[in-house]
PDB file of N, CA and C in Angstrom:
ATOM      1  N   MET A   1       0.835  -1.165   0.000  1.00  0.00           N
ATOM      2  CA  MET A   1       0.000   0.000   0.000  1.00  0.00           C
ATOM      3  C   MET A   1       0.891   1.244   0.000  1.00  0.00           C
ATOM      4  N   THR A   2       0.501   2.240  -0.768  1.00  0.00           N
ATOM      5  CA  THR A   2       1.220   3.509  -0.820  1.00  0.00           C
ATOM      6  C   THR A   2       0.250   4.637  -0.484  1.00  0.00           C
ATOM      7  N   CYS A   3       0.673   5.516   0.404  1.00  0.00           N
ATOM      8  CA  CYS A   3      -0.115   6.691   0.783  1.00  0.00           C
ATOM      9  C   CYS A   3       0.737   7.935   0.592  1.00  0.00           C
ATOM     10  N   THR A   4       0.102   8.997   0.139  1.00  0.00           N
ATOM     11  CA  THR A   4       0.787  10.266  -0.070  1.00  0.00           C
ATOM     12  C   THR A   4      -0.022  11.371   0.581  1.00  0.00           C
ATOM     13  N   GLU A   5       0.683  12.295   1.198  1.00  0.00           N
ATOM     14  CA  GLU A   5       0.034  13.415   1.880  1.00  0.00           C
ATOM     15  C   GLU A   5       0.919  14.653   1.742  1.00  0.00           C
ATOM     16  N   LYS A   6       0.310  15.799   1.527  1.00  0.00           N
ATOM     17  CA  LYS A   6       1.070  17.053   1.509  1.00  0.00           C
ATOM     18  C   LYS A   6       0.923  17.708   2.874  1.00  0.00           C
ATOM     19  N   VAL A   7       2.054  18.190   3.391  1.00  0.00           N
ATOM     20  CA  VAL A   7       2.069  18.878   4.677  1.00  0.00           C
ATOM     21  C   VAL A   7       2.834  20.184   4.517  1.00  0.00           C
ATOM     22  N   VAL A   8       2.569  21.123   5.423  1.00  0.00           N
ATOM     23  CA  VAL A   8       3.265  22.405   5.422  1.00  0.00           C
ATOM     24  C   VAL A   8       4.012  22.532   6.739  1.00  0.00           C
ATOM     25  N   VAL A   9       5.262  22.939   6.663  1.00  0.00           N
ATOM     26  CA  VAL A   9       6.076  23.143   7.853  1.00  0.00           C
ATOM     27  C   VAL A   9       5.598  24.422   8.533  1.00  0.00           C
ATOM     28  N   LYS A  10       5.064  24.293   9.749  1.00  0.00           N
ATOM     29  CA  LYS A  10       4.520  25.440  10.468  1.00  0.00           C
ATOM     30  C   LYS A  10       5.462  25.944  11.558  1.00  0.00           C
ATOM     31  N   GLN A  11       6.459  25.156  11.916  1.00  0.00           N
ATOM     32  CA  GLN A  11       7.374  25.533  12.975  1.00  0.00           C
ATOM     33  C   GLN A  11       8.147  26.788  12.572  1.00  0.00           C
ATOM     34  N   PRO A  12       8.256  27.765  13.473  1.00  0.00           N
ATOM     35  CA  PRO A  12       8.963  29.009  13.146  1.00  0.00           C
ATOM     36  C   PRO A  12      10.407  28.791  12.688  1.00  0.00           C
ATOM     37  N   HIS A  13      11.056  27.762  13.190  1.00  0.00           N
ATOM     38  CA  HIS A  13      12.447  27.490  12.813  1.00  0.00           C
ATOM     39  C   HIS A  13      12.561  26.398  11.751  1.00  0.00           C
ATOM     40  N   GLY A  14      11.441  25.994  11.175  1.00  0.00           N
ATOM     41  CA  GLY A  14      11.455  24.966  10.139  1.00  0.00           C
ATOM     42  C   GLY A  14      11.800  23.601  10.709  1.00  0.00           C
ATOM     43  N   LEU A  15      12.242  22.726   9.845  1.00  0.00           N
ATOM     44  CA  LEU A  15      12.639  21.380  10.280  1.00  0.00           C
ATOM     45  C   LEU A  15      14.083  21.431  10.762  1.00  0.00           C
ATOM     46  N   HIS A  16      14.266  21.918  11.960  1.00  0.00           N
ATOM     47  CA  HIS A  16      15.583  22.022  12.570  1.00  0.00           C
ATOM     48  C   HIS A  16      15.973  20.670  13.174  1.00  0.00           C
ATOM     49  N   LEU A  17      17.105  20.609  13.820  1.00  0.00           N
ATOM     50  CA  LEU A  17      17.632  19.335  14.311  1.00  0.00           C
ATOM     51  C   LEU A  17      16.676  18.620  15.248  1.00  0.00           C
ATOM     52  N   ARG A  18      16.134  19.305  16.237  1.00  0.00           N
ATOM     53  CA  ARG A  18      15.235  18.651  17.197  1.00  0.00           C
ATOM     54  C   ARG A  18      13.999  18.100  16.491  1.00  0.00           C
ATOM     55  N   ALA A  19      13.454  18.862  15.549  1.00  0.00           N
ATOM     56  CA  ALA A  19      12.286  18.405  14.802  1.00  0.00           C
ATOM     57  C   ALA A  19      12.634  17.207  13.925  1.00  0.00           C
ATOM     58  N   ALA A  20      13.819  17.218  13.314  1.00  0.00           N
ATOM     59  CA  ALA A  20      14.252  16.095  12.482  1.00  0.00           C
ATOM     60  C   ALA A  20      14.386  14.827  13.315  1.00  0.00           C
ATOM     61  N   VAL A  21      14.929  14.952  14.519  1.00  0.00           N
ATOM     62  CA  VAL A  21      15.065  13.793  15.412  1.00  0.00           C
ATOM     63  C   VAL A  21      13.694  13.232  15.756  1.00  0.00           C
ATOM     64  N   LYS A  22      12.750  14.101  16.086  1.00  0.00           N
ATOM     65  CA  LYS A  22      11.389  13.663  16.422  1.00  0.00           C
ATOM     66  C   LYS A  22      10.753  12.938  15.233  1.00  0.00           C
ATOM     67  N   LEU A  23      10.928  13.476  14.039  1.00  0.00           N
ATOM     68  CA  LEU A  23      10.378  12.858  12.838  1.00  0.00           C
ATOM     69  C   LEU A  23      10.992  11.478  12.599  1.00  0.00           C
ATOM     70  N   VAL A  24      12.296  11.360  12.798  1.00  0.00           N
ATOM     71  CA  VAL A  24      12.974  10.071  12.651  1.00  0.00           C
ATOM     72  C   VAL A  24      12.429   9.070  13.660  1.00  0.00           C
ATOM     73  N   LEU A  25      12.283   9.478  14.912  1.00  0.00           N
ATOM     74  CA  LEU A  25      11.792   8.575  15.953  1.00  0.00           C
ATOM     75  C   LEU A  25      10.373   8.086  15.652  1.00  0.00           C
ATOM     76  N   VAL A  26       9.538   8.977  15.142  1.00  0.00           N
ATOM     77  CA  VAL A  26       8.170   8.578  14.792  1.00  0.00           C
ATOM     78  C   VAL A  26       8.186   7.628  13.598  1.00  0.00           C
ATOM     79  N   SER A  27       8.944   7.950  12.567  1.00  0.00           N
ATOM     80  CA  SER A  27       8.939   7.113  11.362  1.00  0.00           C
ATOM     81  C   SER A  27       9.541   5.730  11.617  1.00  0.00           C
ATOM     82  N   ARG A  28      10.433   5.614  12.569  1.00  0.00           N
ATOM     83  CA  ARG A  28      11.042   4.314  12.877  1.00  0.00           C
ATOM     84  C   ARG A  28      10.085   3.349  13.573  1.00  0.00           C
ATOM     85  N   ARG A  29       8.965   3.854  14.040  1.00  0.00           N
ATOM     86  CA  ARG A  29       7.989   2.982  14.710  1.00  0.00           C
ATOM     87  C   ARG A  29       7.183   2.146  13.716  1.00  0.00           C
ATOM     88  N   PHE A  30       7.329   2.445  12.443  1.00  0.00           N
ATOM     89  CA  PHE A  30       6.516   1.776  11.429  1.00  0.00           C
ATOM     90  C   PHE A  30       7.368   0.898  10.522  1.00  0.00           C
ATOM     91  N   LYS A  31       6.723  -0.108   9.961  1.00  0.00           N
ATOM     92  CA  LYS A  31       7.409  -0.993   9.015  1.00  0.00           C
ATOM     93  C   LYS A  31       7.525  -0.350   7.639  1.00  0.00           C
ATOM     94  N   SER A  32       6.638   0.585   7.359  1.00  0.00           N
ATOM     95  CA  SER A  32       6.622   1.250   6.056  1.00  0.00           C
ATOM     96  C   SER A  32       7.853   2.118   5.857  1.00  0.00           C
ATOM     97  N   HIS A  33       8.231   2.280   4.592  1.00  0.00           N
ATOM     98  CA  HIS A  33       9.314   3.185   4.214  1.00  0.00           C
ATOM     99  C   HIS A  33       8.680   4.544   3.950  1.00  0.00           C
ATOM    100  N   VAL A  34       9.165   5.577   4.645  1.00  0.00           N
ATOM    101  CA  VAL A  34       8.604   6.919   4.514  1.00  0.00           C
ATOM    102  C   VAL A  34       9.637   7.841   3.868  1.00  0.00           C
ATOM    103  N   THR A  35       9.198   8.553   2.844  1.00  0.00           N
ATOM    104  CA  THR A  35      10.048   9.491   2.124  1.00  0.00           C
ATOM    105  C   THR A  35       9.435  10.872   2.191  1.00  0.00           C
ATOM    106  N   LEU A  36      10.281  11.889   2.358  1.00  0.00           N
ATOM    107  CA  LEU A  36       9.848  13.280   2.297  1.00  0.00           C
ATOM    108  C   LEU A  36      10.357  13.854   0.984  1.00  0.00           C
ATOM    109  N   ARG A  37       9.510  14.599   0.296  1.00  0.00           N
ATOM    110  CA  ARG A  37       9.917  15.178  -0.979  1.00  0.00           C
ATOM    111  C   ARG A  37       9.629  16.672  -0.973  1.00  0.00           C
ATOM    112  N   LYS A  38      10.635  17.434  -1.376  1.00  0.00           N
ATOM    113  CA  LYS A  38      10.505  18.892  -1.548  1.00  0.00           C
ATOM    114  C   LYS A  38      10.977  19.187  -2.961  1.00  0.00           C
ATOM    115  N   GLY A  39      10.013  19.378  -3.867  1.00  0.00           N
ATOM    116  CA  GLY A  39      10.364  19.545  -5.282  1.00  0.00           C
ATOM    117  C   GLY A  39      11.067  18.296  -5.765  1.00  0.00           C
ATOM    118  N   PRO A  40      12.226  18.444  -6.414  1.00  0.00           N
ATOM    119  CA  PRO A  40      12.951  17.265  -6.898  1.00  0.00           C
ATOM    120  C   PRO A  40      13.788  16.577  -5.810  1.00  0.00           C
ATOM    121  N   ALA A  41      13.990  17.252  -4.680  1.00  0.00           N
ATOM    122  CA  ALA A  41      14.806  16.680  -3.595  1.00  0.00           C
ATOM    123  C   ALA A  41      13.946  15.764  -2.731  1.00  0.00           C
ATOM    124  N   GLN A  42      14.555  14.684  -2.266  1.00  0.00           N
ATOM    125  CA  GLN A  42      13.824  13.784  -1.377  1.00  0.00           C
ATOM    126  C   GLN A  42      14.753  13.241  -0.313  1.00  0.00           C
ATOM    127  N   ALA A  43      14.138  12.778   0.791  1.00  0.00           N
ATOM    128  CA  ALA A  43      14.915  12.257   1.914  1.00  0.00           C
ATOM    129  C   ALA A  43      14.158  11.125   2.575  1.00  0.00           C
ATOM    130  N   ASN A  44      14.901  10.150   3.035  1.00  0.00           N
ATOM    131  CA  ASN A  44      14.356   9.080   3.850  1.00  0.00           C
ATOM    132  C   ASN A  44      13.989   9.696   5.196  1.00  0.00           C
ATOM    133  N   ALA A  45      12.779   9.454   5.672  1.00  0.00           N
ATOM    134  CA  ALA A  45      12.327  10.040   6.937  1.00  0.00           C
ATOM    135  C   ALA A  45      13.040   9.440   8.144  1.00  0.00           C
ATOM    136  N   GLN A  46      13.892   8.451   7.931  1.00  0.00           N
ATOM    137  CA  GLN A  46      14.681   7.881   9.021  1.00  0.00           C
ATOM    138  C   GLN A  46      16.115   8.401   9.004  1.00  0.00           C
ATOM    139  N   SER A  47      16.372   9.418   8.199  1.00  0.00           N
ATOM    140  CA  SER A  47      17.704   9.982   8.080  1.00  0.00           C
ATOM    141  C   SER A  47      17.706  11.442   8.526  1.00  0.00           C
ATOM    142  N   ILE A  48      18.327  11.709   9.671  1.00  0.00           N
ATOM    143  CA  ILE A  48      18.387  13.076  10.181  1.00  0.00           C
ATOM    144  C   ILE A  48      19.069  13.991   9.167  1.00  0.00           C
ATOM    145  N   LEU A  49      20.206  13.556   8.638  1.00  0.00           N
ATOM    146  CA  LEU A  49      20.919  14.392   7.670  1.00  0.00           C
ATOM    147  C   LEU A  49      20.100  14.615   6.397  1.00  0.00           C
ATOM    148  N   GLY A  50      19.415  13.576   5.954  1.00  0.00           N
ATOM    149  CA  GLY A  50      18.578  13.718   4.768  1.00  0.00           C
ATOM    150  C   GLY A  50      17.483  14.753   4.977  1.00  0.00           C
ATOM    151  N   ILE A  51      16.848  14.718   6.144  1.00  0.00           N
ATOM    152  CA  ILE A  51      15.790  15.680   6.467  1.00  0.00           C
ATOM    153  C   ILE A  51      16.359  17.094   6.519  1.00  0.00           C
ATOM    154  N   LEU A  52      17.491  17.249   7.202  1.00  0.00           N
ATOM    155  CA  LEU A  52      18.104  18.576   7.312  1.00  0.00           C
ATOM    156  C   LEU A  52      18.531  19.109   5.947  1.00  0.00           C
ATOM    157  N   ASN A  53      18.982  18.233   5.051  1.00  0.00           N
ATOM    158  CA  ASN A  53      19.405  18.655   3.716  1.00  0.00           C
ATOM    159  C   ASN A  53      18.251  19.170   2.854  1.00  0.00           C
ATOM    160  N   LEU A  54      17.019  18.880   3.244  1.00  0.00           N
ATOM    161  CA  LEU A  54      15.874  19.409   2.507  1.00  0.00           C
ATOM    162  C   LEU A  54      15.727  20.918   2.730  1.00  0.00           C
ATOM    163  N   GLU A  55      16.346  21.419   3.795  1.00  0.00           N
ATOM    164  CA  GLU A  55      16.283  22.850   4.119  1.00  0.00           C
ATOM    165  C   GLU A  55      14.837  23.346   4.080  1.00  0.00           C
ATOM    166  N   ALA A  56      13.990  22.678   4.850  1.00  0.00           N
ATOM    167  CA  ALA A  56      12.570  22.995   4.876  1.00  0.00           C
ATOM    168  C   ALA A  56      12.273  24.022   5.958  1.00  0.00           C
ATOM    169  N   GLY A  57      12.207  25.282   5.552  1.00  0.00           N
ATOM    170  CA  GLY A  57      11.888  26.366   6.476  1.00  0.00           C
ATOM    171  C   GLY A  57      10.388  26.482   6.674  1.00  0.00           C
ATOM    172  N   GLN A  58      10.017  27.402   7.549  1.00  0.00           N
ATOM    173  CA  GLN A  58       8.601  27.638   7.806  1.00  0.00           C
ATOM    174  C   GLN A  58       7.887  27.985   6.505  1.00  0.00           C
ATOM    175  N   GLY A  59       6.736  27.351   6.287  1.00  0.00           N
ATOM    176  CA  GLY A  59       5.945  27.589   5.078  1.00  0.00           C
ATOM    177  C   GLY A  59       6.254  26.646   3.931  1.00  0.00           C
ATOM    178  N   THR A  60       7.287  25.828   4.074  1.00  0.00           N
ATOM    179  CA  THR A  60       7.657  24.885   3.020  1.00  0.00           C
ATOM    180  C   THR A  60       6.614  23.777   2.919  1.00  0.00           C
ATOM    181  N   GLU A  61       6.211  23.461   1.698  1.00  0.00           N
ATOM    182  CA  GLU A  61       5.294  22.338   1.477  1.00  0.00           C
ATOM    183  C   GLU A  61       6.124  21.098   1.164  1.00  0.00           C
ATOM    184  N   LEU A  62       5.836  20.029   1.870  1.00  0.00           N
ATOM    185  CA  LEU A  62       6.506  18.749   1.659  1.00  0.00           C
ATOM    186  C   LEU A  62       5.482  17.697   1.282  1.00  0.00           C
ATOM    187  N   GLU A  63       5.909  16.753   0.496  1.00  0.00           N
ATOM    188  CA  GLU A  63       5.082  15.590   0.176  1.00  0.00           C
ATOM    189  C   GLU A  63       5.628  14.429   0.997  1.00  0.00           C
ATOM    190  N   VAL A  64       4.749  13.778   1.741  1.00  0.00           N
ATOM    191  CA  VAL A  64       5.127  12.616   2.540  1.00  0.00           C
ATOM    192  C   VAL A  64       4.595  11.388   1.821  1.00  0.00           C
ATOM    193  N   ILE A  65       5.489  10.462   1.506  1.00  0.00           N
ATOM    194  CA  ILE A  65       5.118   9.237   0.792  1.00  0.00           C
ATOM    195  C   ILE A  65       5.455   8.061   1.686  1.00  0.00           C
ATOM    196  N   SER A  66       4.472   7.244   1.966  1.00  0.00           N
ATOM    197  CA  SER A  66       4.667   6.083   2.826  1.00  0.00           C
ATOM    198  C   SER A  66       4.289   4.830   2.044  1.00  0.00           C
ATOM    199  N   GLU A  67       5.200   3.859   2.044  1.00  0.00           N
ATOM    200  CA  GLU A  67       4.968   2.616   1.304  1.00  0.00           C
ATOM    201  C   GLU A  67       5.174   1.436   2.237  1.00  0.00           C
ATOM    202  N   GLY A  68       4.145   0.589   2.341  1.00  0.00           N
ATOM    203  CA  GLY A  68       4.255  -0.595   3.175  1.00  0.00           C
ATOM    204  C   GLY A  68       2.925  -0.956   3.804  1.00  0.00           C
ATOM    205  N   GLU A  69       2.964  -1.974   4.634  1.00  0.00           N
ATOM    206  CA  GLU A  69       1.727  -2.516   5.198  1.00  0.00           C
ATOM    207  C   GLU A  69       1.019  -1.571   6.167  1.00  0.00           C
ATOM    208  N   ASP A  70       1.751  -0.692   6.843  1.00  0.00           N
ATOM    209  CA  ASP A  70       1.136   0.253   7.777  1.00  0.00           C
ATOM    210  C   ASP A  70       1.291   1.703   7.289  1.00  0.00           C
ATOM    211  N   ALA A  71       1.251   1.870   5.987  1.00  0.00           N
ATOM    212  CA  ALA A  71       1.482   3.182   5.364  1.00  0.00           C
ATOM    213  C   ALA A  71       0.469   4.226   5.829  1.00  0.00           C
ATOM    214  N   GLY A  72      -0.778   3.861   5.914  1.00  0.00           N
ATOM    215  CA  GLY A  72      -1.811   4.807   6.331  1.00  0.00           C
ATOM    216  C   GLY A  72      -1.596   5.307   7.744  1.00  0.00           C
ATOM    217  N   GLU A  73      -1.255   4.406   8.621  1.00  0.00           N
ATOM    218  CA  GLU A  73      -1.008   4.770  10.016  1.00  0.00           C
ATOM    219  C   GLU A  73       0.223   5.673  10.129  1.00  0.00           C
ATOM    220  N   ALA A  74       1.262   5.358   9.363  1.00  0.00           N
ATOM    221  CA  ALA A  74       2.483   6.174   9.376  1.00  0.00           C
ATOM    222  C   ALA A  74       2.178   7.591   8.893  1.00  0.00           C
ATOM    223  N   ILE A  75       1.415   7.718   7.827  1.00  0.00           N
ATOM    224  CA  ILE A  75       1.055   9.032   7.291  1.00  0.00           C
ATOM    225  C   ILE A  75       0.261   9.827   8.326  1.00  0.00           C
ATOM    226  N   ARG A  76      -0.690   9.189   8.993  1.00  0.00           N
ATOM    227  CA  ARG A  76      -1.503   9.890   9.998  1.00  0.00           C
ATOM    228  C   ARG A  76      -0.638  10.420  11.142  1.00  0.00           C
ATOM    229  N   GLU A  77       0.292   9.598  11.621  1.00  0.00           N
ATOM    230  CA  GLU A  77       1.178  10.028  12.715  1.00  0.00           C
ATOM    231  C   GLU A  77       2.048  11.207  12.284  1.00  0.00           C
ATOM    232  N   ILE A  78       2.624  11.108  11.113  1.00  0.00           N
ATOM    233  CA  ILE A  78       3.530  12.160  10.640  1.00  0.00           C
ATOM    234  C   ILE A  78       2.753  13.435  10.340  1.00  0.00           C
ATOM    235  N   ARG A  79       1.597  13.305   9.719  1.00  0.00           N
ATOM    236  CA  ARG A  79       0.761  14.486   9.469  1.00  0.00           C
ATOM    237  C   ARG A  79       0.395  15.153  10.791  1.00  0.00           C
ATOM    238  N   GLY A  80       0.139  14.352  11.817  1.00  0.00           N
ATOM    239  CA  GLY A  80      -0.175  14.892  13.138  1.00  0.00           C
ATOM    240  C   GLY A  80       0.941  15.752  13.692  1.00  0.00           C
ATOM    241  N   LEU A  81       2.190  15.355  13.451  1.00  0.00           N
ATOM    242  CA  LEU A  81       3.329  16.172  13.891  1.00  0.00           C
ATOM    243  C   LEU A  81       3.300  17.542  13.230  1.00  0.00           C
ATOM    244  N   PHE A  82       3.034  17.556  11.935  1.00  0.00           N
ATOM    245  CA  PHE A  82       3.025  18.820  11.201  1.00  0.00           C
ATOM    246  C   PHE A  82       1.805  19.669  11.548  1.00  0.00           C
ATOM    247  N   ASP A  83       0.697  19.038  11.935  1.00  0.00           N
ATOM    248  CA  ASP A  83      -0.511  19.771  12.320  1.00  0.00           C
ATOM    249  C   ASP A  83      -0.381  20.415  13.693  1.00  0.00           C
ATOM    250  N   ARG A  84       0.514  19.865  14.531  1.00  0.00           N
ATOM    251  CA  ARG A  84       0.714  20.375  15.892  1.00  0.00           C
ATOM    252  C   ARG A  84       2.163  20.839  16.048  1.00  0.00           C
ATOM    253  N   PRO A  85       2.488  22.053  15.622  1.00  0.00           N
ATOM    254  CA  PRO A  85       3.883  22.498  15.638  1.00  0.00           C
ATOM    255  C   PRO A  85       4.516  22.470  17.033  1.00  0.00           C
ATOM    256  N   TRP A  86       3.717  22.582  18.087  1.00  0.00           N
ATOM    257  CA  TRP A  86       4.265  22.550  19.443  1.00  0.00           C
ATOM    258  C   TRP A  86       4.699  21.143  19.854  1.00  0.00           C
ATOM    259  N   SER A  87       4.298  20.119  19.107  1.00  0.00           N
ATOM    260  CA  SER A  87       4.627  18.736  19.469  1.00  0.00           C
ATOM    261  C   SER A  87       6.072  18.372  19.135  1.00  0.00           C
ATOM    262  N   TRP A  88       6.799  19.235  18.445  1.00  0.00           N
ATOM    263  CA  TRP A  88       8.167  18.938  18.035  1.00  0.00           C
ATOM    264  C   TRP A  88       9.153  19.091  19.181  1.00  0.00           C
ATOM    265  N   SER A  89       8.802  19.826  20.218  1.00  0.00           N
ATOM    266  CA  SER A  89       9.750  20.073  21.325  1.00  0.00           C
ATOM    267  C   SER A  89       9.936  18.864  22.198  1.00  0.00           C
TER     268      SER A  89
END
């Protein structure tokens, strides 16, 4: 199963190191492979450096692609992080 969702970075400091770590920890709970895409650039959601290399500042739109048996659940959890900017701390 493949699920795709568009999210917007709402955090004032964008996807900084602490936020990238939180995203990695959440994505590692799932069996699905999660990819973040910003235009032509993409990153494995389990890679802190990959996430940071996207340089996703506040207002950046990202596409979250989840592939695997629990793809829907992974997308919901990750979308929840982006919907609640205070949850990154």
